Amino acid sequence: MTQSYKQLLAQLAPTSADAQLDQPTENKNRFEKLLVWIDQNIDSPISLNDLLAQSGLSLLELNRQFKLHTKQSPLQFIKEFRKFKQEAALANQPIIDQTYALFDPFKK
């Protein structure tokens, strides 16, 4: 299962994930579109300038939106989201059968 920004938002600020989206619709839409863009580009370098260009928000409003919804700065959120996705990917990897370790041909 792909880990999405919505799951991380629910962990970071469970009460604010939906309740605080009752703000001006334009900023809400821009912020949600930005989160989708971050999710799609999380494996690439993302700068503050990229976030400003993608969102169309001012620096002040961008920071305000992230603090409101994630309780973090934009770059802190990206760092946390990358960590969240990495941990999820590791959790979904198959576990190597430990039995093969018992039959090491080089072991004396």
C-alpha atoms as a PDB file:
ATOM      1  CA  MET A   1       0.000   0.000   0.000  1.00  0.00           C
ATOM      2  CA  THR A   2       1.355   3.418  -0.898  1.00  0.00           C
ATOM      3  CA  GLN A   3       1.782   5.741   2.041  1.00  0.00           C
ATOM      4  CA  SER A   4       0.245   9.092   1.272  1.00  0.00           C
ATOM      5  CA  TYR A   5       0.572  12.561   2.697  1.00  0.00           C
ATOM      6  CA  LYS A   6      -2.943  12.179   4.153  1.00  0.00           C
ATOM      7  CA  GLN A   7      -1.769   9.376   6.423  1.00  0.00           C
ATOM      8  CA  LEU A   8       1.137  11.463   7.650  1.00  0.00           C
ATOM      9  CA  LEU A   9      -1.126  14.476   8.201  1.00  0.00           C
ATOM     10  CA  ALA A  10      -3.424  12.337  10.309  1.00  0.00           C
ATOM     11  CA  GLN A  11      -0.449  11.299  12.460  1.00  0.00           C
ATOM     12  CA  LEU A  12       1.048  14.778  12.783  1.00  0.00           C
ATOM     13  CA  ALA A  13      -2.124  16.680  13.560  1.00  0.00           C
ATOM     14  CA  PRO A  14      -5.107  14.330  13.872  1.00  0.00           C
ATOM     15  CA  THR A  15      -7.547  17.030  14.951  1.00  0.00           C
ATOM     16  CA  SER A  16      -6.452  19.548  12.351  1.00  0.00           C
ATOM     17  CA  ALA A  17      -6.320  17.323   9.279  1.00  0.00           C
ATOM     18  CA  ASP A  18      -9.962  17.953   8.384  1.00  0.00           C
ATOM     19  CA  ALA A  19     -11.285  20.467  10.896  1.00  0.00           C
ATOM     20  CA  GLN A  20      -8.862  23.247  10.042  1.00  0.00           C
ATOM     21  CA  LEU A  21      -9.446  22.924   6.326  1.00  0.00           C
ATOM     22  CA  ASP A  22     -12.425  25.259   6.915  1.00  0.00           C
ATOM     23  CA  GLN A  23     -10.465  28.270   5.708  1.00  0.00           C
ATOM     24  CA  PRO A  24     -10.560  30.218   2.458  1.00  0.00           C
ATOM     25  CA  THR A  25     -11.243  27.655  -0.267  1.00  0.00           C
ATOM     26  CA  GLU A  26      -8.589  29.011  -2.607  1.00  0.00           C
ATOM     27  CA  ASN A  27      -5.767  28.537  -0.081  1.00  0.00           C
ATOM     28  CA  LYS A  28      -7.120  25.139   0.941  1.00  0.00           C
ATOM     29  CA  ASN A  29      -7.162  23.982  -2.681  1.00  0.00           C
ATOM     30  CA  ARG A  30      -3.690  25.327  -3.355  1.00  0.00           C
ATOM     31  CA  PHE A  31      -2.337  23.629  -0.242  1.00  0.00           C
ATOM     32  CA  GLU A  32      -3.925  20.282  -1.090  1.00  0.00           C
ATOM     33  CA  LYS A  33      -2.620  20.453  -4.671  1.00  0.00           C
ATOM     34  CA  LEU A  34       0.816  21.240  -3.288  1.00  0.00           C
ATOM     35  CA  LEU A  35       0.682  18.174  -1.025  1.00  0.00           C
ATOM     36  CA  VAL A  36      -0.191  16.001  -4.021  1.00  0.00           C
ATOM     37  CA  TRP A  37       2.744  17.530  -5.931  1.00  0.00           C
ATOM     38  CA  ILE A  38       5.087  16.885  -2.981  1.00  0.00           C
ATOM     39  CA  ASP A  39       3.877  13.277  -2.827  1.00  0.00           C
ATOM     40  CA  GLN A  40       4.561  12.830  -6.558  1.00  0.00           C
ATOM     41  CA  ASN A  41       8.011  14.462  -6.351  1.00  0.00           C
ATOM     42  CA  ILE A  42       9.186  13.289  -2.936  1.00  0.00           C
ATOM     43  CA  ASP A  43      12.110  11.346  -4.432  1.00  0.00           C
ATOM     44  CA  SER A  44      13.500  14.496  -6.085  1.00  0.00           C
ATOM     45  CA  PRO A  45      15.102  17.489  -4.405  1.00  0.00           C
ATOM     46  CA  ILE A  46      12.420  19.997  -3.371  1.00  0.00           C
ATOM     47  CA  SER A  47      13.365  23.550  -2.464  1.00  0.00           C
ATOM     48  CA  LEU A  48      11.356  26.279  -0.824  1.00  0.00           C
ATOM     49  CA  ASN A  49      11.317  28.074  -4.186  1.00  0.00           C
ATOM     50  CA  ASP A  50       9.796  24.952  -5.779  1.00  0.00           C
ATOM     51  CA  LEU A  51       7.059  24.961  -3.152  1.00  0.00           C
ATOM     52  CA  LEU A  52       6.319  28.648  -3.694  1.00  0.00           C
ATOM     53  CA  ALA A  53       6.199  28.219  -7.481  1.00  0.00           C
ATOM     54  CA  GLN A  54       3.940  25.152  -7.291  1.00  0.00           C
ATOM     55  CA  SER A  55       1.547  26.554  -4.703  1.00  0.00           C
ATOM     56  CA  GLY A  56       1.174  30.134  -5.850  1.00  0.00           C
ATOM     57  CA  LEU A  57       1.132  31.111  -2.166  1.00  0.00           C
ATOM     58  CA  SER A  58       3.274  33.776  -0.565  1.00  0.00           C
ATOM     59  CA  LEU A  59       6.065  32.641   1.754  1.00  0.00           C
ATOM     60  CA  LEU A  60       4.055  33.835   4.744  1.00  0.00           C
ATOM     61  CA  GLU A  61       0.912  31.968   3.655  1.00  0.00           C
ATOM     62  CA  LEU A  62       2.870  28.837   2.740  1.00  0.00           C
ATOM     63  CA  ASN A  63       4.400  28.711   6.214  1.00  0.00           C
ATOM     64  CA  ARG A  64       1.031  29.453   7.775  1.00  0.00           C
ATOM     65  CA  GLN A  65      -0.647  26.597   5.896  1.00  0.00           C
ATOM     66  CA  PHE A  66       2.024  24.092   6.881  1.00  0.00           C
ATOM     67  CA  LYS A  67       2.000  25.157  10.533  1.00  0.00           C
ATOM     68  CA  LEU A  68      -1.798  24.994  10.578  1.00  0.00           C
ATOM     69  CA  HIS A  69      -2.101  21.537   9.039  1.00  0.00           C
ATOM     70  CA  THR A  70       1.144  19.788   9.986  1.00  0.00           C
ATOM     71  CA  LYS A  71       2.497  21.775  12.938  1.00  0.00           C
ATOM     72  CA  GLN A  72       5.788  21.898  10.980  1.00  0.00           C
ATOM     73  CA  SER A  73       7.560  24.143   8.519  1.00  0.00           C
ATOM     74  CA  PRO A  74       7.365  23.118   4.843  1.00  0.00           C
ATOM     75  CA  LEU A  75      10.889  21.702   4.778  1.00  0.00           C
ATOM     76  CA  GLN A  76      10.399  19.882   8.094  1.00  0.00           C
ATOM     77  CA  PHE A  77       7.277  18.283   6.646  1.00  0.00           C
ATOM     78  CA  ILE A  78       9.144  17.147   3.525  1.00  0.00           C
ATOM     79  CA  LYS A  79      11.900  15.636   5.651  1.00  0.00           C
ATOM     80  CA  GLU A  80       9.330  13.872   7.840  1.00  0.00           C
ATOM     81  CA  PHE A  81       7.363  12.679   4.800  1.00  0.00           C
ATOM     82  CA  ARG A  82      10.495  11.181   3.225  1.00  0.00           C
ATOM     83  CA  LYS A  83      11.273   9.379   6.470  1.00  0.00           C
ATOM     84  CA  PHE A  84       7.648   8.190   6.692  1.00  0.00           C
ATOM     85  CA  LYS A  85       7.739   6.798   3.135  1.00  0.00           C
ATOM     86  CA  GLN A  86      11.117   5.097   3.707  1.00  0.00           C
ATOM     87  CA  GLU A  87       9.905   3.410   6.877  1.00  0.00           C
ATOM     88  CA  ALA A  88       6.760   2.243   5.098  1.00  0.00           C
ATOM     89  CA  ALA A  89       8.808   0.852   2.211  1.00  0.00           C
ATOM     90  CA  LEU A  90      11.091  -1.018   4.615  1.00  0.00           C
ATOM     91  CA  ALA A  91       8.126  -2.436   6.481  1.00  0.00           C
ATOM     92  CA  ASN A  92       6.721  -3.819   3.218  1.00  0.00           C
ATOM     93  CA  GLN A  93       9.932  -5.567   2.111  1.00  0.00           C
ATOM     94  CA  PRO A  94       9.941  -9.350   2.283  1.00  0.00           C
ATOM     95  CA  ILE A  95      11.750 -10.838   5.236  1.00  0.00           C
ATOM     96  CA  ILE A  96      14.713 -13.039   4.304  1.00  0.00           C
ATOM     97  CA  ASP A  97      14.289 -16.576   5.531  1.00  0.00           C
ATOM     98  CA  GLN A  98      16.651 -16.972   8.457  1.00  0.00           C
ATOM     99  CA  THR A  99      16.962 -20.702   7.746  1.00  0.00           C
ATOM    100  CA  TYR A 100      19.516 -20.112   5.005  1.00  0.00           C
ATOM    101  CA  ALA A 101      21.877 -18.585   7.538  1.00  0.00           C
ATOM    102  CA  LEU A 102      22.161 -22.003   9.197  1.00  0.00           C
ATOM    103  CA  PHE A 103      23.539 -23.568   6.014  1.00  0.00           C
ATOM    104  CA  ASP A 104      26.447 -21.232   5.334  1.00  0.00           C
ATOM    105  CA  PRO A 105      28.859 -23.203   3.120  1.00  0.00           C
ATOM    106  CA  PHE A 106      31.793 -21.063   4.246  1.00  0.00           C
ATOM    107  CA  LYS A 107      31.183 -21.636   7.917  1.00  0.00           C
ATOM    108  CA  LYS A 108      33.667 -24.023   9.563  1.00  0.00           C
END
